[in-house]
């Protein structure tokens, strides 16, 4: 099977591409590298089953051509991260809504099945824990840019399901709950890589708010396993699924756990939301998925404990730091050798 992954150079997309190539599928990645990175897919470039195109899903011609060449479209391209969403709400809305619309339009022409990546953010301020796929969504006011991401992804879901009901385009929607693991960057406010990086440097581990807000963090490898099973299941078409862990932890306790796994001397500091993001920023105290629906459909449950996930992130950053050191040493050696050669020739 030939699979097109939009946003395939991103964190989740690159892991998905890797797993599909290992499975024997052909993979085409479409990514404009606005939040993704070539480094995430560099190790796949040697595979004859892998190719990539540096372009935006907004390029209708390129998108149409790649969709036509594919058997399945997995649409992961989106604006990501709380910081990016707060700082660039226009980009968030346009990227998410228009990008998804163009993907669905291109897929509809040849009836190519589409997977749509959504988010637990769509549940908004709901307190109906655990969150179930058919529960009401409770979003904040439009004057708070923080809710633009949730609203845009909810609209993506409405649009995808409308294509299924009205036009019979096969679609599957999944809501991710705090997916974490190697290759995730803290650049846009992702909490776990930021904690790990701060702890490795000995800097204060910064917790926003009082730290009592809780989340469920799911290892990216477990999430990818769920995606691959879902798109192979005909019964999943036209459905919405939560994908996440049910291992709940407060952000304050997460900071302590990271510190413990690192054996770090970092202090834990608290920063008010207003200073971290914007005045009046709203957060949810708990975000826990019900995974009974996906478990019943494909028999999936996450397998990786949070402590092991944190260790994998630590190892990833340690290896990246070692690569940087080796590159600097190599550059220094080359510079010295060049200087010696020049001195000898003089």
C-alpha atoms as a PDB file:
ATOM      1  CA  UNK A   1       0.000   0.000   0.000  1.00  0.00           C
ATOM      2  CA  UNK A   2       1.168   3.538  -0.752  1.00  0.00           C
ATOM      3  CA  UNK A   3       0.470   5.997   2.073  1.00  0.00           C
ATOM      4  CA  UNK A   4       0.615   9.794   1.939  1.00  0.00           C
ATOM      5  CA  UNK A   5       1.347  11.396   5.322  1.00  0.00           C
ATOM      6  CA  UNK A   6       0.780  15.135   5.519  1.00  0.00           C
ATOM      7  CA  UNK A   7       2.908  16.578   8.297  1.00  0.00           C
ATOM      8  CA  UNK A   8       5.066  13.472   8.018  1.00  0.00           C
ATOM      9  CA  UNK A   9       8.259  15.229   9.090  1.00  0.00           C
ATOM     10  CA  UNK A  10       6.689  16.157  12.401  1.00  0.00           C
ATOM     11  CA  UNK A  11       6.902  14.299  15.684  1.00  0.00           C
ATOM     12  CA  UNK A  12       4.053  11.788  15.304  1.00  0.00           C
ATOM     13  CA  UNK A  13       4.193  11.792  11.502  1.00  0.00           C
ATOM     14  CA  UNK A  14       7.839  10.737  11.373  1.00  0.00           C
ATOM     15  CA  UNK A  15       7.241   7.835  13.760  1.00  0.00           C
ATOM     16  CA  UNK A  16       4.253   6.773  11.669  1.00  0.00           C
ATOM     17  CA  UNK A  17       6.315   6.941   8.475  1.00  0.00           C
ATOM     18  CA  UNK A  18       9.026   4.842  10.091  1.00  0.00           C
ATOM     19  CA  UNK A  19       6.553   2.176  11.221  1.00  0.00           C
ATOM     20  CA  UNK A  20       4.826   1.970   7.832  1.00  0.00           C
ATOM     21  CA  UNK A  21       8.123   1.628   5.962  1.00  0.00           C
ATOM     22  CA  UNK A  22       9.172  -1.124   8.391  1.00  0.00           C
ATOM     23  CA  UNK A  23       5.827  -2.804   7.711  1.00  0.00           C
ATOM     24  CA  UNK A  24       6.573  -2.839   3.974  1.00  0.00           C
ATOM     25  CA  UNK A  25       4.336   0.006   2.830  1.00  0.00           C
ATOM     26  CA  UNK A  26       5.444   2.785   0.511  1.00  0.00           C
ATOM     27  CA  UNK A  27       5.359   6.174   2.211  1.00  0.00           C
ATOM     28  CA  UNK A  28       5.206   9.691   0.758  1.00  0.00           C
ATOM     29  CA  UNK A  29       5.663  12.565   3.210  1.00  0.00           C
ATOM     30  CA  UNK A  30       4.306  16.030   2.484  1.00  0.00           C
ATOM     31  CA  UNK A  31       5.553  18.669   4.916  1.00  0.00           C
ATOM     32  CA  UNK A  32       6.376  22.378   4.676  1.00  0.00           C
ATOM     33  CA  UNK A  33       8.793  22.063   7.633  1.00  0.00           C
ATOM     34  CA  UNK A  34       7.113  24.922   9.501  1.00  0.00           C
ATOM     35  CA  UNK A  35       7.078  22.777  12.658  1.00  0.00           C
ATOM     36  CA  UNK A  36       8.483  19.493  11.312  1.00  0.00           C
ATOM     37  CA  UNK A  37      12.136  18.777  10.564  1.00  0.00           C
ATOM     38  CA  UNK A  38      14.136  16.917   7.927  1.00  0.00           C
ATOM     39  CA  UNK A  39      16.160  15.503  10.834  1.00  0.00           C
ATOM     40  CA  UNK A  40      13.103  13.507  11.879  1.00  0.00           C
ATOM     41  CA  UNK A  41      13.023  11.599   8.575  1.00  0.00           C
ATOM     42  CA  UNK A  42      16.673  11.710   7.508  1.00  0.00           C
ATOM     43  CA  UNK A  43      17.181   8.052   8.485  1.00  0.00           C
ATOM     44  CA  UNK A  44      14.368   7.020   6.120  1.00  0.00           C
ATOM     45  CA  UNK A  45      15.744   8.715   2.989  1.00  0.00           C
ATOM     46  CA  UNK A  46      17.857   5.698   2.007  1.00  0.00           C
ATOM     47  CA  UNK A  47      14.803   3.425   1.813  1.00  0.00           C
ATOM     48  CA  UNK A  48      13.391   2.839  -1.697  1.00  0.00           C
ATOM     49  CA  UNK A  49       9.941   2.761  -0.090  1.00  0.00           C
ATOM     50  CA  UNK A  50      10.232   6.310   1.219  1.00  0.00           C
ATOM     51  CA  UNK A  51       9.997   9.703  -0.486  1.00  0.00           C
ATOM     52  CA  UNK A  52       9.172  13.216   0.626  1.00  0.00           C
ATOM     53  CA  UNK A  53       8.056  16.557  -0.758  1.00  0.00           C
ATOM     54  CA  UNK A  54       8.803  19.862   0.980  1.00  0.00           C
ATOM     55  CA  UNK A  55       5.602  21.727   0.283  1.00  0.00           C
ATOM     56  CA  UNK A  56       2.426  22.874   2.028  1.00  0.00           C
ATOM     57  CA  UNK A  57      -0.948  21.130   1.874  1.00  0.00           C
ATOM     58  CA  UNK A  58      -2.166  24.547   0.693  1.00  0.00           C
ATOM     59  CA  UNK A  59      -0.511  23.860  -2.680  1.00  0.00           C
ATOM     60  CA  UNK A  60      -3.552  22.307  -4.363  1.00  0.00           C
ATOM     61  CA  UNK A  61      -1.672  21.060  -7.429  1.00  0.00           C
ATOM     62  CA  UNK A  62       1.021  19.222  -5.502  1.00  0.00           C
ATOM     63  CA  UNK A  63      -1.509  17.885  -3.005  1.00  0.00           C
ATOM     64  CA  UNK A  64      -3.804  16.562  -5.755  1.00  0.00           C
ATOM     65  CA  UNK A  65      -0.917  14.791  -7.488  1.00  0.00           C
ATOM     66  CA  UNK A  66       0.292  13.117  -4.289  1.00  0.00           C
ATOM     67  CA  UNK A  67      -3.211  12.068  -3.264  1.00  0.00           C
ATOM     68  CA  UNK A  68      -3.755  10.520  -6.713  1.00  0.00           C
ATOM     69  CA  UNK A  69      -0.547   8.516  -6.301  1.00  0.00           C
ATOM     70  CA  UNK A  70      -1.613   7.179  -2.887  1.00  0.00           C
ATOM     71  CA  UNK A  71      -3.931   4.451  -1.622  1.00  0.00           C
ATOM     72  CA  UNK A  72      -4.458   6.103   1.772  1.00  0.00           C
ATOM     73  CA  UNK A  73      -4.072   9.651   3.103  1.00  0.00           C
ATOM     74  CA  UNK A  74      -3.092  10.210   6.734  1.00  0.00           C
ATOM     75  CA  UNK A  75      -3.610  13.887   7.457  1.00  0.00           C
ATOM     76  CA  UNK A  76      -1.475  15.005  10.393  1.00  0.00           C
ATOM     77  CA  UNK A  77      -0.427  18.450   9.142  1.00  0.00           C
ATOM     78  CA  UNK A  78      -1.622  21.090  11.614  1.00  0.00           C
ATOM     79  CA  UNK A  79      -0.599  24.002  13.787  1.00  0.00           C
ATOM     80  CA  UNK A  80       0.639  22.440  17.026  1.00  0.00           C
ATOM     81  CA  UNK A  81       1.615  23.504  20.524  1.00  0.00           C
ATOM     82  CA  UNK A  82      -0.084  25.838  22.988  1.00  0.00           C
ATOM     83  CA  UNK A  83       2.485  28.614  22.534  1.00  0.00           C
ATOM     84  CA  UNK A  84       2.155  28.660  18.740  1.00  0.00           C
ATOM     85  CA  UNK A  85      -1.636  28.606  19.012  1.00  0.00           C
ATOM     86  CA  UNK A  86      -1.743  31.545  21.438  1.00  0.00           C
ATOM     87  CA  UNK A  87       0.772  33.596  19.467  1.00  0.00           C
ATOM     88  CA  UNK A  88      -0.534  32.812  15.951  1.00  0.00           C
ATOM     89  CA  UNK A  89      -4.305  32.198  16.033  1.00  0.00           C
ATOM     90  CA  UNK A  90      -4.769  33.229  12.376  1.00  0.00           C
ATOM     91  CA  UNK A  91      -2.210  30.682  11.220  1.00  0.00           C
ATOM     92  CA  UNK A  92      -3.807  28.071  13.491  1.00  0.00           C
ATOM     93  CA  UNK A  93      -7.276  28.491  12.045  1.00  0.00           C
ATOM     94  CA  UNK A  94      -6.190  28.776   8.414  1.00  0.00           C
ATOM     95  CA  UNK A  95      -3.777  25.841   8.546  1.00  0.00           C
ATOM     96  CA  UNK A  96      -6.150  23.504  10.294  1.00  0.00           C
ATOM     97  CA  UNK A  97      -9.436  24.302   8.584  1.00  0.00           C
ATOM     98  CA  UNK A  98      -8.300  25.128   5.040  1.00  0.00           C
ATOM     99  CA  UNK A  99      -5.657  22.403   5.001  1.00  0.00           C
ATOM    100  CA  UNK A 100      -8.148  19.725   6.015  1.00  0.00           C
ATOM    101  CA  UNK A 101     -10.698  20.996   3.503  1.00  0.00           C
ATOM    102  CA  UNK A 102      -8.184  20.734   0.658  1.00  0.00           C
ATOM    103  CA  UNK A 103      -7.135  17.215   1.699  1.00  0.00           C
ATOM    104  CA  UNK A 104     -10.742  16.031   1.784  1.00  0.00           C
ATOM    105  CA  UNK A 105     -11.513  17.649  -1.575  1.00  0.00           C
ATOM    106  CA  UNK A 106      -8.513  15.991  -3.227  1.00  0.00           C
ATOM    107  CA  UNK A 107      -9.314  12.600  -1.701  1.00  0.00           C
ATOM    108  CA  UNK A 108     -12.979  12.812  -2.694  1.00  0.00           C
ATOM    109  CA  UNK A 109     -12.157  12.966  -6.407  1.00  0.00           C
ATOM    110  CA  UNK A 110     -10.729   9.431  -6.337  1.00  0.00           C
ATOM    111  CA  UNK A 111     -12.489   8.207  -3.157  1.00  0.00           C
ATOM    112  CA  UNK A 112      -9.168   7.736  -1.358  1.00  0.00           C
ATOM    113  CA  UNK A 113      -9.641   6.850   2.348  1.00  0.00           C
ATOM    114  CA  UNK A 114      -8.512   9.572   4.762  1.00  0.00           C
ATOM    115  CA  UNK A 115      -7.391   9.516   8.382  1.00  0.00           C
ATOM    116  CA  UNK A 116      -7.834  12.852  10.194  1.00  0.00           C
ATOM    117  CA  UNK A 117      -5.746  13.644  13.270  1.00  0.00           C
ATOM    118  CA  UNK A 118      -7.703  15.569  15.901  1.00  0.00           C
ATOM    119  CA  UNK A 119      -7.039  16.386  19.530  1.00  0.00           C
ATOM    120  CA  UNK A 120      -8.294  16.089  23.088  1.00  0.00           C
ATOM    121  CA  UNK A 121      -8.452  19.892  23.038  1.00  0.00           C
ATOM    122  CA  UNK A 122     -11.886  19.616  21.401  1.00  0.00           C
ATOM    123  CA  UNK A 123     -13.344  18.572  24.772  1.00  0.00           C
ATOM    124  CA  UNK A 124     -12.495  22.062  25.999  1.00  0.00           C
ATOM    125  CA  UNK A 125     -13.588  22.786  29.564  1.00  0.00           C
ATOM    126  CA  UNK A 126     -15.740  19.690  29.940  1.00  0.00           C
ATOM    127  CA  UNK A 127     -15.674  18.046  33.368  1.00  0.00           C
ATOM    128  CA  UNK A 128     -17.337  14.803  32.242  1.00  0.00           C
ATOM    129  CA  UNK A 129     -14.343  12.573  33.077  1.00  0.00           C
ATOM    130  CA  UNK A 130     -13.302  10.329  31.399  1.00  0.00           C
ATOM    131  CA  UNK A 131     -13.962  12.008  28.043  1.00  0.00           C
ATOM    132  CA  UNK A 132     -16.088   9.902  25.710  1.00  0.00           C
ATOM    133  CA  UNK A 133     -16.257  10.396  21.963  1.00  0.00           C
ATOM    134  CA  UNK A 134     -19.994  11.174  21.940  1.00  0.00           C
ATOM    135  CA  UNK A 135     -19.859  13.612  24.878  1.00  0.00           C
ATOM    136  CA  UNK A 136     -20.659  17.330  24.609  1.00  0.00           C
ATOM    137  CA  UNK A 137     -17.818  19.718  23.798  1.00  0.00           C
ATOM    138  CA  UNK A 138     -17.473  22.746  26.093  1.00  0.00           C
ATOM    139  CA  UNK A 139     -15.356  25.503  24.581  1.00  0.00           C
ATOM    140  CA  UNK A 140     -14.421  28.897  26.006  1.00  0.00           C
ATOM    141  CA  UNK A 141     -15.339  32.301  24.550  1.00  0.00           C
ATOM    142  CA  UNK A 142     -14.155  33.472  21.139  1.00  0.00           C
ATOM    143  CA  UNK A 143     -12.365  36.427  22.742  1.00  0.00           C
ATOM    144  CA  UNK A 144      -9.799  33.927  24.074  1.00  0.00           C
ATOM    145  CA  UNK A 145      -7.430  32.969  21.242  1.00  0.00           C
ATOM    146  CA  UNK A 146      -6.499  29.887  23.236  1.00  0.00           C
ATOM    147  CA  UNK A 147      -9.707  28.182  22.045  1.00  0.00           C
ATOM    148  CA  UNK A 148      -9.071  28.737  18.330  1.00  0.00           C
ATOM    149  CA  UNK A 149      -7.187  25.438  18.049  1.00  0.00           C
ATOM    150  CA  UNK A 150      -9.972  23.413  19.675  1.00  0.00           C
ATOM    151  CA  UNK A 151     -12.611  25.096  17.525  1.00  0.00           C
ATOM    152  CA  UNK A 152     -10.637  24.582  14.300  1.00  0.00           C
ATOM    153  CA  UNK A 153     -10.044  20.890  15.023  1.00  0.00           C
ATOM    154  CA  UNK A 154     -13.704  20.383  15.942  1.00  0.00           C
ATOM    155  CA  UNK A 155     -14.612  21.920  12.580  1.00  0.00           C
ATOM    156  CA  UNK A 156     -12.153  19.525  10.911  1.00  0.00           C
ATOM    157  CA  UNK A 157     -14.050  16.641  12.492  1.00  0.00           C
ATOM    158  CA  UNK A 158     -17.443  18.003  11.416  1.00  0.00           C
ATOM    159  CA  UNK A 159     -16.174  18.454   7.869  1.00  0.00           C
ATOM    160  CA  UNK A 160     -14.607  14.991   7.641  1.00  0.00           C
ATOM    161  CA  UNK A 161     -17.706  13.259   8.986  1.00  0.00           C
ATOM    162  CA  UNK A 162     -19.880  15.308   6.601  1.00  0.00           C
ATOM    163  CA  UNK A 163     -17.783  14.015   3.684  1.00  0.00           C
ATOM    164  CA  UNK A 164     -18.439  10.480   4.907  1.00  0.00           C
ATOM    165  CA  UNK A 165     -22.191  10.909   5.417  1.00  0.00           C
ATOM    166  CA  UNK A 166     -22.921  13.002   2.343  1.00  0.00           C
ATOM    167  CA  UNK A 167     -20.287  11.910  -0.171  1.00  0.00           C
ATOM    168  CA  UNK A 168     -19.351   8.458   1.198  1.00  0.00           C
ATOM    169  CA  UNK A 169     -15.679   9.346   1.418  1.00  0.00           C
ATOM    170  CA  UNK A 170     -14.117   6.832   3.852  1.00  0.00           C
ATOM    171  CA  UNK A 171     -12.789   8.814   6.816  1.00  0.00           C
ATOM    172  CA  UNK A 172     -11.542   7.966  10.299  1.00  0.00           C
ATOM    173  CA  UNK A 173     -10.957  10.568  13.035  1.00  0.00           C
ATOM    174  CA  UNK A 174      -8.753  10.135  16.111  1.00  0.00           C
ATOM    175  CA  UNK A 175      -8.313  12.494  19.042  1.00  0.00           C
ATOM    176  CA  UNK A 176      -4.777  12.413  20.457  1.00  0.00           C
ATOM    177  CA  UNK A 177      -4.250  12.862  24.201  1.00  0.00           C
ATOM    178  CA  UNK A 178      -0.773  14.223  24.993  1.00  0.00           C
ATOM    179  CA  UNK A 179       1.340  11.997  22.777  1.00  0.00           C
ATOM    180  CA  UNK A 180       4.992  12.070  23.866  1.00  0.00           C
ATOM    181  CA  UNK A 181       8.331  10.479  23.003  1.00  0.00           C
ATOM    182  CA  UNK A 182      11.626  10.980  21.148  1.00  0.00           C
ATOM    183  CA  UNK A 183      11.731  13.728  18.468  1.00  0.00           C
ATOM    184  CA  UNK A 184       9.124  15.869  20.195  1.00  0.00           C
ATOM    185  CA  UNK A 185      10.341  19.422  20.584  1.00  0.00           C
ATOM    186  CA  UNK A 186       9.566  21.761  23.450  1.00  0.00           C
ATOM    187  CA  UNK A 187       9.780  24.734  21.099  1.00  0.00           C
ATOM    188  CA  UNK A 188       6.021  25.267  21.018  1.00  0.00           C
ATOM    189  CA  UNK A 189       5.231  24.620  24.671  1.00  0.00           C
ATOM    190  CA  UNK A 190       5.205  20.804  24.859  1.00  0.00           C
ATOM    191  CA  UNK A 191       5.631  20.150  28.540  1.00  0.00           C
ATOM    192  CA  UNK A 192       7.582  16.890  28.795  1.00  0.00           C
ATOM    193  CA  UNK A 193      10.514  17.673  26.456  1.00  0.00           C
ATOM    194  CA  UNK A 194      10.809  21.065  28.151  1.00  0.00           C
ATOM    195  CA  UNK A 195      10.979  19.430  31.591  1.00  0.00           C
ATOM    196  CA  UNK A 196      13.606  16.946  30.411  1.00  0.00           C
ATOM    197  CA  UNK A 197      15.742  19.614  28.766  1.00  0.00           C
ATOM    198  CA  UNK A 198      15.588  21.874  31.813  1.00  0.00           C
ATOM    199  CA  UNK A 199      16.459  19.010  34.144  1.00  0.00           C
ATOM    200  CA  UNK A 200      19.390  17.890  31.987  1.00  0.00           C
ATOM    201  CA  UNK A 201      20.866  21.411  32.087  1.00  0.00           C
ATOM    202  CA  UNK A 202      20.263  21.827  35.801  1.00  0.00           C
ATOM    203  CA  UNK A 203      17.940  24.752  35.116  1.00  0.00           C
ATOM    204  CA  UNK A 204      14.727  25.234  37.106  1.00  0.00           C
ATOM    205  CA  UNK A 205      11.941  22.945  35.878  1.00  0.00           C
ATOM    206  CA  UNK A 206       9.148  25.406  35.166  1.00  0.00           C
ATOM    207  CA  UNK A 207       5.574  24.381  35.953  1.00  0.00           C
ATOM    208  CA  UNK A 208       2.818  26.656  34.686  1.00  0.00           C
ATOM    209  CA  UNK A 209       0.023  27.366  37.147  1.00  0.00           C
ATOM    210  CA  UNK A 210      -0.152  25.514  40.459  1.00  0.00           C
ATOM    211  CA  UNK A 211       0.864  22.171  38.951  1.00  0.00           C
ATOM    212  CA  UNK A 212      -2.297  20.409  40.110  1.00  0.00           C
ATOM    213  CA  UNK A 213      -3.697  20.148  36.593  1.00  0.00           C
ATOM    214  CA  UNK A 214      -3.411  16.536  35.404  1.00  0.00           C
ATOM    215  CA  UNK A 215      -2.888  14.829  32.043  1.00  0.00           C
ATOM    216  CA  UNK A 216      -2.397  11.356  30.590  1.00  0.00           C
ATOM    217  CA  UNK A 217       0.785  10.978  28.519  1.00  0.00           C
ATOM    218  CA  UNK A 218       0.902   8.276  25.860  1.00  0.00           C
ATOM    219  CA  UNK A 219       4.067   6.939  24.218  1.00  0.00           C
ATOM    220  CA  UNK A 220       4.226   7.731  20.503  1.00  0.00           C
ATOM    221  CA  UNK A 221       4.995   4.118  19.573  1.00  0.00           C
ATOM    222  CA  UNK A 222       1.741   3.002  21.183  1.00  0.00           C
ATOM    223  CA  UNK A 223      -0.172   5.744  19.354  1.00  0.00           C
ATOM    224  CA  UNK A 224       1.328   4.735  15.988  1.00  0.00           C
ATOM    225  CA  UNK A 225       0.382   1.089  16.608  1.00  0.00           C
ATOM    226  CA  UNK A 226      -3.213   2.226  17.165  1.00  0.00           C
ATOM    227  CA  UNK A 227      -3.257   4.294  13.952  1.00  0.00           C
ATOM    228  CA  UNK A 228      -2.005   1.425  11.824  1.00  0.00           C
ATOM    229  CA  UNK A 229      -4.636  -0.928  13.235  1.00  0.00           C
ATOM    230  CA  UNK A 230      -7.425   1.636  12.849  1.00  0.00           C
ATOM    231  CA  UNK A 231      -6.846   2.339   9.160  1.00  0.00           C
ATOM    232  CA  UNK A 232      -6.882  -1.406   8.458  1.00  0.00           C
ATOM    233  CA  UNK A 233     -10.289  -1.850  10.152  1.00  0.00           C
ATOM    234  CA  UNK A 234     -13.316  -1.240   7.868  1.00  0.00           C
ATOM    235  CA  UNK A 235     -15.563  -0.907  10.939  1.00  0.00           C
ATOM    236  CA  UNK A 236     -13.610   2.195  11.990  1.00  0.00           C
ATOM    237  CA  UNK A 237     -14.744   4.205   8.953  1.00  0.00           C
ATOM    238  CA  UNK A 238     -17.016   7.116   9.826  1.00  0.00           C
ATOM    239  CA  UNK A 239     -16.040   6.921  13.501  1.00  0.00           C
ATOM    240  CA  UNK A 240     -14.212   9.111  16.038  1.00  0.00           C
ATOM    241  CA  UNK A 241     -11.772   7.512  18.494  1.00  0.00           C
ATOM    242  CA  UNK A 242      -9.822   8.680  21.513  1.00  0.00           C
ATOM    243  CA  UNK A 243      -6.173   7.570  21.525  1.00  0.00           C
ATOM    244  CA  UNK A 244      -4.315   8.056  24.775  1.00  0.00           C
ATOM    245  CA  UNK A 245      -3.159   6.647  28.054  1.00  0.00           C
ATOM    246  CA  UNK A 246      -5.346   6.425  31.134  1.00  0.00           C
ATOM    247  CA  UNK A 247      -2.329   6.786  33.477  1.00  0.00           C
ATOM    248  CA  UNK A 248      -3.155  10.162  35.046  1.00  0.00           C
ATOM    249  CA  UNK A 249      -0.470  12.382  36.579  1.00  0.00           C
ATOM    250  CA  UNK A 250      -0.437  15.984  37.754  1.00  0.00           C
ATOM    251  CA  UNK A 251       2.010  18.334  36.040  1.00  0.00           C
ATOM    252  CA  UNK A 252       3.673  18.988  39.379  1.00  0.00           C
ATOM    253  CA  UNK A 253       4.217  15.256  39.919  1.00  0.00           C
ATOM    254  CA  UNK A 254       5.435  14.931  36.326  1.00  0.00           C
ATOM    255  CA  UNK A 255       8.144  17.499  37.060  1.00  0.00           C
ATOM    256  CA  UNK A 256       9.166  15.499  40.143  1.00  0.00           C
ATOM    257  CA  UNK A 257       9.224  12.262  38.128  1.00  0.00           C
ATOM    258  CA  UNK A 258      11.419  13.808  35.429  1.00  0.00           C
ATOM    259  CA  UNK A 259      13.770  15.116  38.107  1.00  0.00           C
ATOM    260  CA  UNK A 260      13.898  11.649  39.670  1.00  0.00           C
ATOM    261  CA  UNK A 261      14.595   9.827  36.364  1.00  0.00           C
ATOM    262  CA  UNK A 262      17.374  12.296  35.573  1.00  0.00           C
ATOM    263  CA  UNK A 263      18.768  12.310  39.119  1.00  0.00           C
ATOM    264  CA  UNK A 264      18.795  16.065  38.591  1.00  0.00           C
ATOM    265  CA  UNK A 265      19.427  18.795  41.157  1.00  0.00           C
ATOM    266  CA  UNK A 266      17.086  21.187  39.349  1.00  0.00           C
ATOM    267  CA  UNK A 267      14.611  23.147  41.434  1.00  0.00           C
ATOM    268  CA  UNK A 268      10.937  23.184  40.488  1.00  0.00           C
ATOM    269  CA  UNK A 269       9.500  26.656  39.966  1.00  0.00           C
ATOM    270  CA  UNK A 270       5.963  27.815  39.239  1.00  0.00           C
ATOM    271  CA  UNK A 271       5.051  30.446  36.643  1.00  0.00           C
ATOM    272  CA  UNK A 272       1.554  31.986  36.445  1.00  0.00           C
ATOM    273  CA  UNK A 273      -0.316  31.286  33.204  1.00  0.00           C
ATOM    274  CA  UNK A 274      -0.643  35.022  32.514  1.00  0.00           C
ATOM    275  CA  UNK A 275       3.149  35.309  32.350  1.00  0.00           C
ATOM    276  CA  UNK A 276       3.629  32.130  30.325  1.00  0.00           C
ATOM    277  CA  UNK A 277       0.964  32.729  27.678  1.00  0.00           C
ATOM    278  CA  UNK A 278      -1.578  35.550  27.770  1.00  0.00           C
ATOM    279  CA  UNK A 279      -3.786  37.374  30.224  1.00  0.00           C
ATOM    280  CA  UNK A 280      -6.851  35.324  31.097  1.00  0.00           C
ATOM    281  CA  UNK A 281      -5.394  32.064  29.752  1.00  0.00           C
ATOM    282  CA  UNK A 282      -7.647  29.140  30.654  1.00  0.00           C
ATOM    283  CA  UNK A 283      -6.498  25.580  31.279  1.00  0.00           C
ATOM    284  CA  UNK A 284      -8.337  22.363  32.115  1.00  0.00           C
ATOM    285  CA  UNK A 285      -7.719  20.708  35.462  1.00  0.00           C
ATOM    286  CA  UNK A 286      -8.104  17.149  34.158  1.00  0.00           C
ATOM    287  CA  UNK A 287      -7.984  15.546  30.719  1.00  0.00           C
ATOM    288  CA  UNK A 288      -8.516  11.802  30.741  1.00  0.00           C
ATOM    289  CA  UNK A 289      -9.729   9.717  27.800  1.00  0.00           C
ATOM    290  CA  UNK A 290     -12.116   6.850  27.733  1.00  0.00           C
ATOM    291  CA  UNK A 291     -10.461   4.280  25.477  1.00  0.00           C
ATOM    292  CA  UNK A 292     -13.206   1.678  25.605  1.00  0.00           C
ATOM    293  CA  UNK A 293     -14.349   2.454  22.067  1.00  0.00           C
ATOM    294  CA  UNK A 294     -10.963   1.961  20.404  1.00  0.00           C
ATOM    295  CA  UNK A 295     -10.252  -1.048  22.600  1.00  0.00           C
ATOM    296  CA  UNK A 296     -13.507  -2.632  21.483  1.00  0.00           C
ATOM    297  CA  UNK A 297     -12.818  -1.878  17.815  1.00  0.00           C
ATOM    298  CA  UNK A 298      -9.179  -2.974  17.459  1.00  0.00           C
ATOM    299  CA  UNK A 299      -8.251  -4.413  20.852  1.00  0.00           C
ATOM    300  CA  UNK A 300      -5.780  -1.592  21.555  1.00  0.00           C
ATOM    301  CA  UNK A 301      -4.483  -0.367  24.888  1.00  0.00           C
ATOM    302  CA  UNK A 302      -1.244   1.532  25.558  1.00  0.00           C
ATOM    303  CA  UNK A 303       1.598  -0.671  26.784  1.00  0.00           C
ATOM    304  CA  UNK A 304       4.436   1.714  27.696  1.00  0.00           C
ATOM    305  CA  UNK A 305       4.585   3.095  31.259  1.00  0.00           C
ATOM    306  CA  UNK A 306       5.302   6.797  31.670  1.00  0.00           C
ATOM    307  CA  UNK A 307       8.632   6.206  33.411  1.00  0.00           C
ATOM    308  CA  UNK A 308       9.910   4.226  30.419  1.00  0.00           C
ATOM    309  CA  UNK A 309       8.679   6.942  28.054  1.00  0.00           C
ATOM    310  CA  UNK A 310      10.568   9.603  30.015  1.00  0.00           C
ATOM    311  CA  UNK A 311      13.717   7.465  29.881  1.00  0.00           C
ATOM    312  CA  UNK A 312      13.400   7.211  26.083  1.00  0.00           C
ATOM    313  CA  UNK A 313      13.161  11.007  25.814  1.00  0.00           C
ATOM    314  CA  UNK A 314      16.193  11.451  28.056  1.00  0.00           C
ATOM    315  CA  UNK A 315      18.172   8.995  25.921  1.00  0.00           C
ATOM    316  CA  UNK A 316      17.113  10.787  22.735  1.00  0.00           C
ATOM    317  CA  UNK A 317      18.329  14.173  23.989  1.00  0.00           C
ATOM    318  CA  UNK A 318      21.562  12.676  25.314  1.00  0.00           C
ATOM    319  CA  UNK A 319      22.267  11.137  21.902  1.00  0.00           C
ATOM    320  CA  UNK A 320      21.467  14.423  20.139  1.00  0.00           C
ATOM    321  CA  UNK A 321      23.824  16.296  22.475  1.00  0.00           C
ATOM    322  CA  UNK A 322      26.547  13.722  21.799  1.00  0.00           C
ATOM    323  CA  UNK A 323      26.077  14.173  18.055  1.00  0.00           C
ATOM    324  CA  UNK A 324      26.526  17.927  18.452  1.00  0.00           C
ATOM    325  CA  UNK A 325      29.723  17.402  20.474  1.00  0.00           C
ATOM    326  CA  UNK A 326      31.109  15.003  17.854  1.00  0.00           C
ATOM    327  CA  UNK A 327      30.253  17.396  15.024  1.00  0.00           C
ATOM    328  CA  UNK A 328      32.021  20.251  16.833  1.00  0.00           C
ATOM    329  CA  UNK A 329      35.062  18.048  17.487  1.00  0.00           C
ATOM    330  CA  UNK A 330      35.151  17.007  13.840  1.00  0.00           C
ATOM    331  CA  UNK A 331      34.902  20.628  12.671  1.00  0.00           C
ATOM    332  CA  UNK A 332      37.665  21.656  15.072  1.00  0.00           C
ATOM    333  CA  UNK A 333      39.904  18.809  13.882  1.00  0.00           C
ATOM    334  CA  UNK A 334      39.358  19.767  10.255  1.00  0.00           C
ATOM    335  CA  UNK A 335      40.138  23.396  11.057  1.00  0.00           C
ATOM    336  CA  UNK A 336      43.385  22.450  12.822  1.00  0.00           C
ATOM    337  CA  UNK A 337      44.439  20.130   9.998  1.00  0.00           C
ATOM    338  CA  UNK A 338      43.689  22.832   7.454  1.00  0.00           C
ATOM    339  CA  UNK A 339      45.772  25.347   9.400  1.00  0.00           C
ATOM    340  CA  UNK A 340      48.686  22.899   9.635  1.00  0.00           C
ATOM    341  CA  UNK A 341      48.522  22.156   5.919  1.00  0.00           C
ATOM    342  CA  UNK A 342      48.534  25.854   5.126  1.00  0.00           C
ATOM    343  CA  UNK A 343      51.481  26.477   7.450  1.00  0.00           C
ATOM    344  CA  UNK A 344      53.409  23.614   5.853  1.00  0.00           C
ATOM    345  CA  UNK A 345      52.759  24.905   2.321  1.00  0.00           C
ATOM    346  CA  UNK A 346      53.855  28.390   3.354  1.00  0.00           C
END
